[in-house]
PDB file of N, CA and C in Angstrom:
ATOM      1  N   MET A   1     -12.445 120.997 117.470  1.00  0.00           N
ATOM      2  CA  MET A   1     -13.659 121.566 117.969  1.00  0.00           C
ATOM      3  C   MET A   1     -14.555 120.448 118.474  1.00  0.00           C
ATOM      4  N   LYS A   2     -15.381 120.807 119.436  1.00  0.00           N
ATOM      5  CA  LYS A   2     -16.323 119.829 119.984  1.00  0.00           C
ATOM      6  C   LYS A   2     -17.448 120.578 120.672  1.00  0.00           C
ATOM      7  N   LEU A   3     -18.454 119.830 121.120  1.00  0.00           N
ATOM      8  CA  LEU A   3     -19.596 120.449 121.781  1.00  0.00           C
ATOM      9  C   LEU A   3     -19.188 121.090 123.096  1.00  0.00           C
ATOM     10  N   ASN A   4     -19.797 122.212 123.393  1.00  0.00           N
ATOM     11  CA  ASN A   4     -19.631 122.881 124.672  1.00  0.00           C
ATOM     12  C   ASN A   4     -20.209 121.960 125.753  1.00  0.00           C
ATOM     13  N   GLU A   5     -19.493 121.785 126.829  1.00  0.00           N
ATOM     14  CA  GLU A   5     -19.938 120.884 127.902  1.00  0.00           C
ATOM     15  C   GLU A   5     -21.159 121.409 128.643  1.00  0.00           C
ATOM     16  N   ASN A   6     -21.492 122.694 128.471  1.00  0.00           N
ATOM     17  CA  ASN A   6     -22.595 123.303 129.209  1.00  0.00           C
ATOM     18  C   ASN A   6     -23.919 123.298 128.455  1.00  0.00           C
ATOM     19  N   ILE A   7     -23.979 122.600 127.333  1.00  0.00           N
ATOM     20  CA  ILE A   7     -25.243 122.539 126.608  1.00  0.00           C
ATOM     21  C   ILE A   7     -25.975 121.255 126.960  1.00  0.00           C
ATOM     22  N   THR A   8     -27.269 121.275 126.717  1.00  0.00           N
ATOM     23  CA  THR A   8     -28.061 120.052 126.799  1.00  0.00           C
ATOM     24  C   THR A   8     -28.761 119.888 125.456  1.00  0.00           C
ATOM     25  N   TYR A   9     -29.050 118.660 125.101  1.00  0.00           N
ATOM     26  CA  TYR A   9     -29.727 118.425 123.831  1.00  0.00           C
ATOM     27  C   TYR A   9     -30.583 117.179 123.942  1.00  0.00           C
ATOM     28  N   GLU A  10     -31.602 117.147 123.101  1.00  0.00           N
ATOM     29  CA  GLU A  10     -32.523 116.018 123.114  1.00  0.00           C
ATOM     30  C   GLU A  10     -33.053 115.802 121.701  1.00  0.00           C
ATOM     31  N   LYS A  11     -33.090 114.554 121.286  1.00  0.00           N
ATOM     32  CA  LYS A  11     -33.635 114.194 119.972  1.00  0.00           C
ATOM     33  C   LYS A  11     -35.100 113.845 120.157  1.00  0.00           C
ATOM     34  N   MET A  12     -35.942 114.506 119.386  1.00  0.00           N
ATOM     35  CA  MET A  12     -37.381 114.239 119.435  1.00  0.00           C
ATOM     36  C   MET A  12     -37.866 114.085 118.000  1.00  0.00           C
ATOM     37  N   GLY A  13     -38.230 112.865 117.635  1.00  0.00           N
ATOM     38  CA  GLY A  13     -38.623 112.604 116.252  1.00  0.00           C
ATOM     39  C   GLY A  13     -37.428 112.794 115.340  1.00  0.00           C
ATOM     40  N   ASN A  14     -37.601 113.581 114.291  1.00  0.00           N
ATOM     41  CA  ASN A  14     -36.515 113.849 113.354  1.00  0.00           C
ATOM     42  C   ASN A  14     -35.731 115.106 113.705  1.00  0.00           C
ATOM     43  N   ASP A  15     -36.096 115.780 114.784  1.00  0.00           N
ATOM     44  CA  ASP A  15     -35.462 117.040 115.161  1.00  0.00           C
ATOM     45  C   ASP A  15     -34.571 116.860 116.387  1.00  0.00           C
ATOM     46  N   LEU A  16     -33.562 117.719 116.472  1.00  0.00           N
ATOM     47  CA  LEU A  16     -32.663 117.729 117.620  1.00  0.00           C
ATOM     48  C   LEU A  16     -32.764 119.101 118.264  1.00  0.00           C
ATOM     49  N   TYR A  17     -33.109 119.140 119.538  1.00  0.00           N
ATOM     50  CA  TYR A  17     -33.260 120.392 120.271  1.00  0.00           C
ATOM     51  C   TYR A  17     -32.026 120.608 121.135  1.00  0.00           C
ATOM     52  N   ILE A  18     -31.443 121.798 121.013  1.00  0.00           N
ATOM     53  CA  ILE A  18     -30.238 122.147 121.762  1.00  0.00           C
ATOM     54  C   ILE A  18     -30.576 123.318 122.670  1.00  0.00           C
ATOM     55  N   MET A  19     -30.189 123.222 123.945  1.00  0.00           N
ATOM     56  CA  MET A  19     -30.404 124.304 124.885  1.00  0.00           C
ATOM     57  C   MET A  19     -29.053 124.824 125.373  1.00  0.00           C
ATOM     58  N   VAL A  20     -28.877 126.137 125.247  1.00  0.00           N
ATOM     59  CA  VAL A  20     -27.678 126.823 125.727  1.00  0.00           C
ATOM     60  C   VAL A  20     -28.170 127.985 126.569  1.00  0.00           C
ATOM     61  N   GLU A  21     -27.914 127.922 127.870  1.00  0.00           N
ATOM     62  CA  GLU A  21     -28.413 128.929 128.804  1.00  0.00           C
ATOM     63  C   GLU A  21     -29.912 129.092 128.584  1.00  0.00           C
ATOM     64  N   ASP A  22     -30.379 130.273 128.165  1.00  0.00           N
ATOM     65  CA  ASP A  22     -31.814 130.497 127.970  1.00  0.00           C
ATOM     66  C   ASP A  22     -32.240 130.388 126.511  1.00  0.00           C
ATOM     67  N   GLU A  23     -31.343 129.966 125.661  1.00  0.00           N
ATOM     68  CA  GLU A  23     -31.618 129.873 124.225  1.00  0.00           C
ATOM     69  C   GLU A  23     -31.929 128.430 123.834  1.00  0.00           C
ATOM     70  N   ARG A  24     -32.807 128.283 122.850  1.00  0.00           N
ATOM     71  CA  ARG A  24     -33.130 126.960 122.315  1.00  0.00           C
ATOM     72  C   ARG A  24     -32.943 126.998 120.801  1.00  0.00           C
ATOM     73  N   PHE A  25     -32.308 125.963 120.274  1.00  0.00           N
ATOM     74  CA  PHE A  25     -32.065 125.844 118.845  1.00  0.00           C
ATOM     75  C   PHE A  25     -32.602 124.501 118.381  1.00  0.00           C
ATOM     76  N   VAL A  26     -33.085 124.459 117.147  1.00  0.00           N
ATOM     77  CA  VAL A  26     -33.619 123.219 116.583  1.00  0.00           C
ATOM     78  C   VAL A  26     -32.831 122.875 115.327  1.00  0.00           C
ATOM     79  N   LEU A  27     -32.311 121.659 115.284  1.00  0.00           N
ATOM     80  CA  LEU A  27     -31.689 121.140 114.068  1.00  0.00           C
ATOM     81  C   LEU A  27     -32.717 120.220 113.433  1.00  0.00           C
ATOM     82  N   ASP A  28     -33.078 120.527 112.199  1.00  0.00           N
ATOM     83  CA  ASP A  28     -34.164 119.770 111.580  1.00  0.00           C
ATOM     84  C   ASP A  28     -33.809 119.213 110.204  1.00  0.00           C
ATOM     85  N   ASN A  29     -32.502 119.057 109.945  1.00  0.00           N
ATOM     86  CA  ASN A  29     -32.131 118.394 108.690  1.00  0.00           C
ATOM     87  C   ASN A  29     -31.007 117.400 108.953  1.00  0.00           C
ATOM     88  N   ASP A  30     -30.926 116.407 108.099  1.00  0.00           N
ATOM     89  CA  ASP A  30     -29.990 115.293 108.307  1.00  0.00           C
ATOM     90  C   ASP A  30     -28.534 115.733 108.361  1.00  0.00           C
ATOM     91  N   VAL A  31     -28.145 116.667 107.492  1.00  0.00           N
ATOM     92  CA  VAL A  31     -26.743 117.091 107.463  1.00  0.00           C
ATOM     93  C   VAL A  31     -26.377 117.772 108.775  1.00  0.00           C
ATOM     94  N   ALA A  32     -27.220 118.682 109.247  1.00  0.00           N
ATOM     95  CA  ALA A  32     -26.944 119.386 110.503  1.00  0.00           C
ATOM     96  C   ALA A  32     -26.837 118.402 111.665  1.00  0.00           C
ATOM     97  N   ILE A  33     -27.722 117.429 111.707  1.00  0.00           N
ATOM     98  CA  ILE A  33     -27.696 116.439 112.793  1.00  0.00           C
ATOM     99  C   ILE A  33     -26.457 115.558 112.683  1.00  0.00           C
ATOM    100  N   ASP A  34     -26.062 115.184 111.469  1.00  0.00           N
ATOM    101  CA  ASP A  34     -24.826 114.409 111.283  1.00  0.00           C
ATOM    102  C   ASP A  34     -23.613 115.189 111.781  1.00  0.00           C
ATOM    103  N   VAL A  35     -23.533 116.473 111.436  1.00  0.00           N
ATOM    104  CA  VAL A  35     -22.409 117.307 111.881  1.00  0.00           C
ATOM    105  C   VAL A  35     -22.420 117.407 113.399  1.00  0.00           C
ATOM    106  N   PHE A  36     -23.589 117.632 113.987  1.00  0.00           N
ATOM    107  CA  PHE A  36     -23.705 117.719 115.440  1.00  0.00           C
ATOM    108  C   PHE A  36     -23.200 116.434 116.088  1.00  0.00           C
ATOM    109  N   ASP A  37     -23.584 115.285 115.544  1.00  0.00           N
ATOM    110  CA  ASP A  37     -23.139 113.998 116.095  1.00  0.00           C
ATOM    111  C   ASP A  37     -21.618 113.860 116.040  1.00  0.00           C
ATOM    112  N   LEU A  38     -21.006 114.347 114.962  1.00  0.00           N
ATOM    113  CA  LEU A  38     -19.539 114.282 114.859  1.00  0.00           C
ATOM    114  C   LEU A  38     -18.862 115.140 115.921  1.00  0.00           C
ATOM    115  N   LEU A  39     -19.547 116.184 116.373  1.00  0.00           N
ATOM    116  CA  LEU A  39     -18.961 117.099 117.354  1.00  0.00           C
ATOM    117  C   LEU A  39     -19.085 116.591 118.794  1.00  0.00           C
ATOM    118  N   LYS A  40     -19.715 115.450 118.991  1.00  0.00           N
ATOM    119  CA  LYS A  40     -19.818 114.888 120.341  1.00  0.00           C
ATOM    120  C   LYS A  40     -18.448 114.468 120.855  1.00  0.00           C
ATOM    121  N   VAL A  41     -17.535 114.218 119.942  1.00  0.00           N
ATOM    122  CA  VAL A  41     -16.130 113.980 120.282  1.00  0.00           C
ATOM    123  C   VAL A  41     -15.315 115.022 119.524  1.00  0.00           C
ATOM    124  N   GLU A  42     -14.094 115.226 119.935  1.00  0.00           N
ATOM    125  CA  GLU A  42     -13.224 116.198 119.258  1.00  0.00           C
ATOM    126  C   GLU A  42     -13.150 115.874 117.768  1.00  0.00           C
ATOM    127  N   SER A  43     -13.351 116.869 116.930  1.00  0.00           N
ATOM    128  CA  SER A  43     -13.322 116.664 115.487  1.00  0.00           C
ATOM    129  C   SER A  43     -12.757 117.904 114.808  1.00  0.00           C
ATOM    130  N   THR A  44     -12.209 117.725 113.617  1.00  0.00           N
ATOM    131  CA  THR A  44     -11.682 118.869 112.873  1.00  0.00           C
ATOM    132  C   THR A  44     -12.673 119.269 111.783  1.00  0.00           C
ATOM    133  N   LYS A  45     -12.561 120.519 111.365  1.00  0.00           N
ATOM    134  CA  LYS A  45     -13.411 121.025 110.299  1.00  0.00           C
ATOM    135  C   LYS A  45     -13.221 120.205 109.024  1.00  0.00           C
ATOM    136  N   GLU A  46     -11.973 119.856 108.721  1.00  0.00           N
ATOM    137  CA  GLU A  46     -11.701 119.078 107.506  1.00  0.00           C
ATOM    138  C   GLU A  46     -12.302 117.679 107.582  1.00  0.00           C
ATOM    139  N   LYS A  47     -12.260 117.057 108.753  1.00  0.00           N
ATOM    140  CA  LYS A  47     -12.857 115.727 108.920  1.00  0.00           C
ATOM    141  C   LYS A  47     -14.372 115.799 108.718  1.00  0.00           C
ATOM    142  N   ILE A  48     -14.983 116.849 109.230  1.00  0.00           N
ATOM    143  CA  ILE A  48     -16.431 117.016 109.084  1.00  0.00           C
ATOM    144  C   ILE A  48     -16.798 117.239 107.619  1.00  0.00           C
ATOM    145  N   LYS A  49     -16.037 118.091 106.940  1.00  0.00           N
ATOM    146  CA  LYS A  49     -16.299 118.340 105.516  1.00  0.00           C
ATOM    147  C   LYS A  49     -16.168 117.048 104.710  1.00  0.00           C
ATOM    148  N   ALA A  50     -15.118 116.281 104.971  1.00  0.00           N
ATOM    149  CA  ALA A  50     -14.901 115.023 104.248  1.00  0.00           C
ATOM    150  C   ALA A  50     -16.048 114.050 104.507  1.00  0.00           C
ATOM    151  N   PHE A  51     -16.511 113.986 105.746  1.00  0.00           N
ATOM    152  CA  PHE A  51     -17.629 113.105 106.091  1.00  0.00           C
ATOM    153  C   PHE A  51     -18.878 113.491 105.302  1.00  0.00           C
ATOM    154  N   VAL A  52     -19.197 114.788 105.288  1.00  0.00           N
ATOM    155  CA  VAL A  52     -20.400 115.259 104.589  1.00  0.00           C
ATOM    156  C   VAL A  52     -20.283 114.997 103.086  1.00  0.00           C
ATOM    157  N   ARG A  53     -19.126 115.315 102.502  1.00  0.00           N
ATOM    158  CA  ARG A  53     -18.942 115.063 101.061  1.00  0.00           C
ATOM    159  C   ARG A  53     -19.108 113.578 100.748  1.00  0.00           C
ATOM    160  N   ASN A  54     -18.555 112.706 101.594  1.00  0.00           N
ATOM    161  CA  ASN A  54     -18.630 111.264 101.360  1.00  0.00           C
ATOM    162  C   ASN A  54     -20.045 110.722 101.566  1.00  0.00           C
ATOM    163  N   LYS A  55     -20.666 111.083 102.669  1.00  0.00           N
ATOM    164  CA  LYS A  55     -21.999 110.540 102.967  1.00  0.00           C
ATOM    165  C   LYS A  55     -23.032 110.980 101.937  1.00  0.00           C
ATOM    166  N   TYR A  56     -22.906 112.210 101.462  1.00  0.00           N
ATOM    167  CA  TYR A  56     -23.889 112.753 100.530  1.00  0.00           C
ATOM    168  C   TYR A  56     -23.324 112.847  99.111  1.00  0.00           C
ATOM    169  N   ARG A  57     -22.391 111.955  98.766  1.00  0.00           N
ATOM    170  CA  ARG A  57     -21.725 111.994  97.457  1.00  0.00           C
ATOM    171  C   ARG A  57     -22.684 111.732  96.301  1.00  0.00           C
ATOM    172  N   LEU A  58     -23.743 110.990  96.535  1.00  0.00           N
ATOM    173  CA  LEU A  58     -24.699 110.699  95.466  1.00  0.00           C
ATOM    174  C   LEU A  58     -25.721 111.822  95.279  1.00  0.00           C
ATOM    175  N   ASP A  59     -25.743 112.766  96.211  1.00  0.00           N
ATOM    176  CA  ASP A  59     -26.650 113.913  96.126  1.00  0.00           C
ATOM    177  C   ASP A  59     -26.050 114.938  95.172  1.00  0.00           C
ATOM    178  N   LYS A  60     -26.570 114.982  93.974  1.00  0.00           N
ATOM    179  CA  LYS A  60     -26.022 115.875  92.942  1.00  0.00           C
ATOM    180  C   LYS A  60     -26.644 117.269  92.984  1.00  0.00           C
ATOM    181  N   GLU A  61     -27.550 117.505  93.943  1.00  0.00           N
ATOM    182  CA  GLU A  61     -28.177 118.822  94.050  1.00  0.00           C
ATOM    183  C   GLU A  61     -27.153 119.890  94.433  1.00  0.00           C
ATOM    184  N   PHE A  62     -26.131 119.498  95.211  1.00  0.00           N
ATOM    185  CA  PHE A  62     -25.112 120.434  95.673  1.00  0.00           C
ATOM    186  C   PHE A  62     -23.725 119.929  95.292  1.00  0.00           C
ATOM    187  N   THR A  63     -22.855 120.855  94.911  1.00  0.00           N
ATOM    188  CA  THR A  63     -21.470 120.498  94.610  1.00  0.00           C
ATOM    189  C   THR A  63     -20.712 120.296  95.914  1.00  0.00           C
ATOM    190  N   ASP A  64     -19.520 119.719  95.828  1.00  0.00           N
ATOM    191  CA  ASP A  64     -18.692 119.566  97.026  1.00  0.00           C
ATOM    192  C   ASP A  64     -18.357 120.925  97.628  1.00  0.00           C
ATOM    193  N   ASP A  65     -18.125 121.932  96.790  1.00  0.00           N
ATOM    194  CA  ASP A  65     -17.843 123.276  97.306  1.00  0.00           C
ATOM    195  C   ASP A  65     -19.037 123.832  98.077  1.00  0.00           C
ATOM    196  N   GLU A  66     -20.240 123.584  97.586  1.00  0.00           N
ATOM    197  CA  GLU A  66     -21.435 124.050  98.292  1.00  0.00           C
ATOM    198  C   GLU A  66     -21.612 123.297  99.612  1.00  0.00           C
ATOM    199  N   LYS A  67     -21.313 122.011  99.618  1.00  0.00           N
ATOM    200  CA  LYS A  67     -21.389 121.226 100.859  1.00  0.00           C
ATOM    201  C   LYS A  67     -20.374 121.747 101.870  1.00  0.00           C
ATOM    202  N   ASP A  68     -19.148 122.033 101.401  1.00  0.00           N
ATOM    203  CA  ASP A  68     -18.121 122.595 102.287  1.00  0.00           C
ATOM    204  C   ASP A  68     -18.569 123.942 102.838  1.00  0.00           C
ATOM    205  N   GLY A  69     -19.173 124.763 101.980  1.00  0.00           N
ATOM    206  CA  GLY A  69     -19.664 126.071 102.412  1.00  0.00           C
ATOM    207  C   GLY A  69     -20.737 125.947 103.476  1.00  0.00           C
ATOM    208  N   TYR A  70     -21.624 124.966 103.317  1.00  0.00           N
ATOM    209  CA  TYR A  70     -22.661 124.728 104.317  1.00  0.00           C
ATOM    210  C   TYR A  70     -22.029 124.368 105.657  1.00  0.00           C
ATOM    211  N   VAL A  71     -21.052 123.469 105.631  1.00  0.00           N
ATOM    212  CA  VAL A  71     -20.376 123.053 106.866  1.00  0.00           C
ATOM    213  C   VAL A  71     -19.707 124.257 107.519  1.00  0.00           C
ATOM    214  N   GLU A  72     -18.995 125.063 106.745  1.00  0.00           N
ATOM    215  CA  GLU A  72     -18.321 126.260 107.278  1.00  0.00           C
ATOM    216  C   GLU A  72     -19.326 127.182 107.966  1.00  0.00           C
ATOM    217  N   GLU A  73     -20.413 127.476 107.259  1.00  0.00           N
ATOM    218  CA  GLU A  73     -21.425 128.387 107.798  1.00  0.00           C
ATOM    219  C   GLU A  73     -22.083 127.805 109.044  1.00  0.00           C
ATOM    220  N   PHE A  74     -22.409 126.526 109.010  1.00  0.00           N
ATOM    221  CA  PHE A  74     -23.064 125.881 110.141  1.00  0.00           C
ATOM    222  C   PHE A  74     -22.159 125.887 111.371  1.00  0.00           C
ATOM    223  N   LEU A  75     -20.880 125.555 111.190  1.00  0.00           N
ATOM    224  CA  LEU A  75     -19.945 125.564 112.315  1.00  0.00           C
ATOM    225  C   LEU A  75     -19.778 126.973 112.878  1.00  0.00           C
ATOM    226  N   THR A  76     -19.773 127.976 112.011  1.00  0.00           N
ATOM    227  CA  THR A  76     -19.672 129.365 112.466  1.00  0.00           C
ATOM    228  C   THR A  76     -20.870 129.734 113.335  1.00  0.00           C
ATOM    229  N   VAL A  77     -22.060 129.358 112.903  1.00  0.00           N
ATOM    230  CA  VAL A  77     -23.273 129.645 113.675  1.00  0.00           C
ATOM    231  C   VAL A  77     -23.228 128.925 115.020  1.00  0.00           C
ATOM    232  N   LEU A  78     -22.798 127.663 115.027  1.00  0.00           N
ATOM    233  CA  LEU A  78     -22.692 126.925 116.289  1.00  0.00           C
ATOM    234  C   LEU A  78     -21.707 127.597 117.237  1.00  0.00           C
ATOM    235  N   LYS A  79     -20.592 128.063 116.698  1.00  0.00           N
ATOM    236  CA  LYS A  79     -19.573 128.705 117.534  1.00  0.00           C
ATOM    237  C   LYS A  79     -20.076 130.041 118.083  1.00  0.00           C
ATOM    238  N   ILE A  80     -20.687 130.853 117.231  1.00  0.00           N
ATOM    239  CA  ILE A  80     -21.218 132.152 117.656  1.00  0.00           C
ATOM    240  C   ILE A  80     -22.223 131.981 118.790  1.00  0.00           C
ATOM    241  N   ASN A  81     -23.009 130.922 118.736  1.00  0.00           N
ATOM    242  CA  ASN A  81     -24.049 130.695 119.738  1.00  0.00           C
ATOM    243  C   ASN A  81     -23.576 129.876 120.931  1.00  0.00           C
ATOM    244  N   GLY A  82     -22.273 129.613 121.014  1.00  0.00           N
ATOM    245  CA  GLY A  82     -21.716 128.935 122.178  1.00  0.00           C
ATOM    246  C   GLY A  82     -22.007 127.450 122.243  1.00  0.00           C
ATOM    247  N   ILE A  83     -22.371 126.849 121.116  1.00  0.00           N
ATOM    248  CA  ILE A  83     -22.701 125.425 121.103  1.00  0.00           C
ATOM    249  C   ILE A  83     -21.448 124.575 120.955  1.00  0.00           C
ATOM    250  N   ILE A  84     -20.436 125.099 120.259  1.00  0.00           N
ATOM    251  CA  ILE A  84     -19.167 124.380 120.129  1.00  0.00           C
ATOM    252  C   ILE A  84     -18.026 125.247 120.630  1.00  0.00           C
ATOM    253  N   THR A  85     -16.931 124.576 120.957  1.00  0.00           N
ATOM    254  CA  THR A  85     -15.703 125.256 121.370  1.00  0.00           C
ATOM    255  C   THR A  85     -14.569 124.782 120.474  1.00  0.00           C
ATOM    256  N   GLY A  86     -13.509 125.532 120.439  1.00  0.00           N
ATOM    257  CA  GLY A  86     -12.353 125.163 119.624  1.00  0.00           C
ATOM    258  C   GLY A  86     -12.433 125.808 118.258  1.00  0.00           C
ATOM    259  N   SER A  87     -11.440 125.465 117.425  1.00  0.00           N
ATOM    260  CA  SER A  87     -11.429 126.060 116.080  1.00  0.00           C
ATOM    261  C   SER A  87     -11.185 125.013 115.020  1.00  0.00           C
TER     262      SER A  87
END
């Protein structure tokens, strides 16, 4: 999976703004922005999950299963909204 070639995006401060056709989306947390950055090149769901688990391994607020669930849900939302392509 990777970013749809027809989107535009811009980083402003700590937020990332994504435009798809007439829709605008805002990514305003570090994990979402990290996942988005990984999707700039072809990436797999498992690679993204491993990256998130590793980068945020010291964050004990969420278990690895919860982190994986977040990645799954986030990728689903990106796909539904035409921001990413592939599976």
